[in-house]
N, C-alpha and C. Protein backbone atom coordinates (compact mmCIF):
# COMPACT_ATOMS: atom_id res chain seq x y z
N MET A 1 182.12 93.04 -27.93
CA MET A 1 182.98 92.44 -27.30
C MET A 1 183.14 93.14 -25.49
N VAL A 2 182.88 94.24 -26.01
CA VAL A 2 182.57 94.96 -24.49
C VAL A 2 181.64 94.23 -23.40
N GLY A 3 182.14 94.19 -22.28
CA GLY A 3 181.26 93.41 -21.42
C GLY A 3 181.06 91.69 -21.13
N THR A 4 181.18 91.31 -22.16
CA THR A 4 180.78 89.71 -22.69
C THR A 4 182.40 89.23 -22.40
N PRO A 5 182.25 87.94 -21.54
CA PRO A 5 183.56 87.28 -21.40
C PRO A 5 183.99 86.64 -22.57
N ALA A 6 185.43 86.45 -22.71
CA ALA A 6 186.07 85.81 -23.87
C ALA A 6 185.82 84.51 -23.43
N ARG A 7 185.69 83.79 -24.88
CA ARG A 7 185.72 82.22 -24.56
C ARG A 7 186.96 81.71 -24.08
N ASP A 8 188.03 82.39 -24.19
CA ASP A 8 189.29 82.20 -23.72
C ASP A 8 190.06 83.28 -23.39
N ALA A 9 190.34 83.52 -22.18
CA ALA A 9 191.09 84.87 -21.91
C ALA A 9 192.39 85.41 -22.65
N GLU A 10 192.92 84.25 -23.12
CA GLU A 10 194.15 84.08 -23.65
C GLU A 10 193.83 84.94 -25.09
N GLU A 11 192.69 85.16 -25.85
CA GLU A 11 192.14 85.67 -26.70
C GLU A 11 192.66 87.13 -26.49
N LEU A 12 191.97 87.55 -25.49
CA LEU A 12 192.43 89.05 -24.99
C LEU A 12 193.81 89.46 -25.05
N TYR A 13 194.47 88.45 -24.42
CA TYR A 13 196.21 88.84 -24.59
C TYR A 13 196.84 89.07 -26.00
N LEU A 14 196.22 88.28 -27.02
CA LEU A 14 196.47 88.27 -28.42
C LEU A 14 196.01 89.63 -28.80
N LEU A 15 194.74 90.09 -28.47
CA LEU A 15 194.15 91.42 -28.96
C LEU A 15 195.06 92.42 -28.31
N ALA A 16 195.29 92.30 -27.31
CA ALA A 16 196.18 93.16 -26.68
C ALA A 16 197.35 93.49 -27.46
N ALA A 17 197.93 92.44 -27.76
CA ALA A 17 199.24 92.37 -28.31
C ALA A 17 199.23 93.16 -29.72
N THR A 18 198.24 92.59 -30.70
CA THR A 18 197.88 93.07 -31.77
C THR A 18 197.48 94.76 -31.84
N ALA A 19 196.78 95.05 -30.75
CA ALA A 19 196.44 96.41 -31.00
C ALA A 19 197.52 97.12 -30.25
N SER A 20 198.27 96.98 -29.53
CA SER A 20 199.57 97.81 -29.30
C SER A 20 200.29 97.72 -30.39
N PHE A 21 200.71 96.78 -31.01
CA PHE A 21 201.59 96.56 -32.29
C PHE A 21 201.06 97.48 -33.50
N CYS A 22 199.63 97.36 -33.66
CA CYS A 22 199.04 98.29 -34.46
C CYS A 22 198.92 99.82 -34.12
N GLY A 23 199.44 100.07 -33.15
CA GLY A 23 199.31 101.40 -32.67
C GLY A 23 197.84 102.00 -32.11
N LEU A 24 197.10 101.09 -31.53
CA LEU A 24 195.99 101.32 -30.88
C LEU A 24 196.13 101.32 -29.15
N PRO A 25 196.82 102.12 -28.65
CA PRO A 25 197.10 101.52 -27.24
C PRO A 25 195.63 101.65 -26.38
N ASP A 26 194.71 102.31 -26.63
CA ASP A 26 193.66 102.08 -25.67
C ASP A 26 193.00 101.12 -25.79
N SER A 27 192.73 100.56 -27.06
CA SER A 27 192.36 99.20 -27.44
C SER A 27 193.03 98.13 -26.40
N ALA A 28 194.37 98.40 -26.81
CA ALA A 28 195.41 97.35 -26.24
C ALA A 28 195.24 97.33 -24.66
N VAL A 29 195.18 98.35 -24.05
CA VAL A 29 195.04 98.39 -22.62
C VAL A 29 193.71 98.10 -21.97
N ARG A 30 192.59 98.07 -22.77
CA ARG A 30 191.28 97.65 -22.41
C ARG A 30 191.37 96.11 -22.40
N ALA A 31 191.98 95.56 -23.43
CA ALA A 31 191.92 94.37 -23.59
C ALA A 31 192.96 93.41 -22.36
N ALA A 32 194.17 94.26 -22.10
CA ALA A 32 195.05 93.77 -21.20
C ALA A 32 194.19 93.79 -19.72
N ARG A 33 193.68 94.90 -19.47
CA ARG A 33 192.75 94.91 -18.10
C ARG A 33 191.76 93.80 -17.98
N ARG A 34 191.11 93.65 -19.27
CA ARG A 34 190.18 92.36 -19.20
C ARG A 34 190.72 91.02 -19.04
N MET A 35 191.83 90.85 -19.77
CA MET A 35 192.40 89.65 -19.46
C MET A 35 192.91 89.27 -18.11
N VAL A 36 193.41 90.16 -17.59
CA VAL A 36 193.78 89.89 -16.17
C VAL A 36 192.38 89.75 -15.01
N ALA A 37 191.41 90.49 -15.34
CA ALA A 37 190.15 90.38 -14.74
C ALA A 37 189.57 89.17 -15.09
N GLU A 38 190.05 88.40 -15.85
CA GLU A 38 189.30 87.05 -16.20
C GLU A 38 190.47 86.00 -16.03
N ASN A 39 191.33 86.58 -15.16
CA ASN A 39 192.07 85.69 -14.73
C ASN A 39 193.15 84.82 -15.36
N TYR A 40 193.36 85.65 -16.70
CA TYR A 40 194.89 85.28 -17.09
C TYR A 40 195.66 86.32 -17.02
N CYS A 41 196.75 85.50 -16.18
CA CYS A 41 197.92 86.15 -15.28
C CYS A 41 199.25 86.27 -16.06
N ALA A 42 199.31 86.66 -17.28
CA ALA A 42 200.40 86.58 -18.10
C ALA A 42 201.06 87.63 -17.84
N VAL A 43 201.87 87.63 -16.55
CA VAL A 43 202.91 88.39 -16.24
C VAL A 43 204.48 88.47 -17.33
N ASP A 44 204.88 87.39 -17.23
CA ASP A 44 206.00 87.33 -18.29
C ASP A 44 205.56 88.08 -19.63
N GLY A 45 204.30 87.52 -20.17
CA GLY A 45 204.11 88.28 -21.37
C GLY A 45 204.06 89.73 -21.41
N LEU A 46 203.17 90.33 -20.59
CA LEU A 46 202.85 91.40 -19.97
C LEU A 46 204.21 92.38 -19.81
N SER A 47 205.38 91.50 -19.16
CA SER A 47 206.54 92.20 -18.96
C SER A 47 207.32 92.53 -20.17
N ARG A 48 207.42 91.35 -20.91
CA ARG A 48 208.37 91.01 -22.13
C ARG A 48 208.33 91.43 -23.51
N ASP A 49 206.66 90.95 -23.73
CA ASP A 49 206.23 90.52 -25.14
C ASP A 49 206.78 91.93 -25.90
N PRO A 50 207.60 91.94 -26.92
CA PRO A 50 207.83 93.17 -27.60
C PRO A 50 206.46 93.78 -28.26
N MET A 51 205.51 93.13 -28.54
CA MET A 51 204.23 93.41 -29.17
C MET A 51 203.51 94.44 -28.31
N LEU A 52 204.08 94.45 -26.98
CA LEU A 52 203.29 95.21 -25.96
C LEU A 52 204.18 96.45 -25.57
N ALA A 53 205.17 96.41 -26.28
CA ALA A 53 206.31 97.75 -25.88
C ALA A 53 205.45 98.82 -25.97
N GLY A 54 204.62 99.08 -27.24
CA GLY A 54 203.91 100.24 -27.34
C GLY A 54 203.15 100.85 -26.21
N VAL A 55 202.60 99.88 -25.35
CA VAL A 55 201.73 100.34 -24.48
C VAL A 55 202.45 100.52 -22.99
N ARG A 56 203.67 99.93 -22.61
CA ARG A 56 204.10 99.85 -21.18
C ARG A 56 204.80 101.14 -20.69
N ALA A 57 204.70 101.92 -21.26
CA ALA A 57 205.16 103.46 -20.95
C ALA A 57 203.69 104.24 -20.43
N ARG A 58 202.48 103.69 -20.67
CA ARG A 58 201.55 104.33 -20.16
C ARG A 58 201.20 104.15 -18.77
N PRO A 59 200.60 105.22 -17.74
CA PRO A 59 200.67 105.13 -16.66
C PRO A 59 199.57 103.92 -15.91
N GLU A 60 198.73 103.59 -16.86
CA GLU A 60 197.81 102.67 -16.54
C GLU A 60 198.20 101.17 -16.51
N TYR A 61 199.43 100.98 -17.34
CA TYR A 61 200.03 99.83 -17.46
C TYR A 61 200.59 99.16 -16.14
N ALA A 62 201.04 100.19 -15.47
CA ALA A 62 201.91 99.55 -14.42
C ALA A 62 200.60 98.98 -13.27
N ALA A 63 199.39 99.42 -13.20
CA ALA A 63 198.46 98.96 -12.40
C ALA A 63 197.89 97.55 -12.96
N ILE A 64 198.13 97.42 -14.64
CA ILE A 64 197.53 96.13 -15.09
C ILE A 64 198.63 94.97 -14.65
N LEU A 65 199.69 95.48 -14.61
CA LEU A 65 200.83 94.47 -14.48
C LEU A 65 200.91 94.20 -12.97
N ARG A 66 200.67 95.14 -12.02
CA ARG A 66 200.66 94.60 -10.63
C ARG A 66 199.56 94.00 -10.35
N ASP A 67 198.24 94.25 -11.22
CA ASP A 67 197.17 93.17 -10.85
C ASP A 67 197.48 91.64 -11.41
N ALA A 68 198.09 91.83 -12.73
CA ALA A 68 198.39 90.60 -12.89
C ALA A 68 199.55 89.46 -12.51
N ARG A 69 200.16 90.44 -11.62
CA ARG A 69 201.09 89.77 -10.46
C ARG A 69 200.14 89.16 -9.15
N ASP A 70 199.21 90.09 -8.75
CA ASP A 70 198.37 89.60 -7.75
C ASP A 70 197.45 88.36 -8.14
N CYS A 71 197.27 88.65 -9.53
CA CYS A 71 196.39 87.15 -10.04
C CYS A 71 197.41 85.87 -9.84
N ARG A 72 198.66 86.09 -10.30
CA ARG A 72 199.57 85.27 -10.52
C ARG A 72 199.70 84.42 -9.15
N ASP A 73 199.86 85.66 -7.89
CA ASP A 73 200.08 85.15 -6.69
C ASP A 73 198.74 84.30 -6.13
N ARG A 74 197.73 84.60 -6.27
CA ARG A 74 196.76 84.25 -5.78
C ARG A 74 196.75 82.67 -6.63
N PHE A 75 196.60 82.55 -7.59
CA PHE A 75 196.66 81.35 -8.29
C PHE A 75 197.81 80.17 -7.69
N THR A 76 199.40 80.92 -7.60
CA THR A 76 200.20 79.99 -7.07
C THR A 76 199.68 79.46 -5.48
N ALA A 77 199.22 80.48 -4.78
CA ALA A 77 198.91 80.08 -3.13
C ALA A 77 197.76 79.14 -3.44
N SER A 78 196.81 78.98 -4.14
CA SER A 78 195.84 78.32 -3.97
C SER A 78 196.27 76.81 -4.56
N ARG A 79 197.39 76.79 -5.16
CA ARG A 79 197.81 75.51 -5.75
C ARG A 79 198.57 74.68 -4.39
N GLY A 80 198.99 75.62 -3.56
CA GLY A 80 199.67 75.04 -2.29
C GLY A 80 198.85 74.43 -1.50
N ARG A 81 197.40 74.67 -1.62
CA ARG A 81 196.38 74.19 -0.61
C ARG A 81 196.16 72.78 -0.57
């Protein structure tokens, strides 16, 4: 899975949530990072999904959330054109 695009970036969200819930924070962070890099900008899910609670306190999570917001903002701006 590393380095290959997901068929659907939403799969990466589900992987991140499941990994976090199962106590695999490194895998969860990697999946969340890839999800955002593949333009799945799930800001609300990253912010509120209880399954991701296990990784929100990690220092790199703030950067993932920031990147997701930037992703959402780019998408929103492109819709207004």
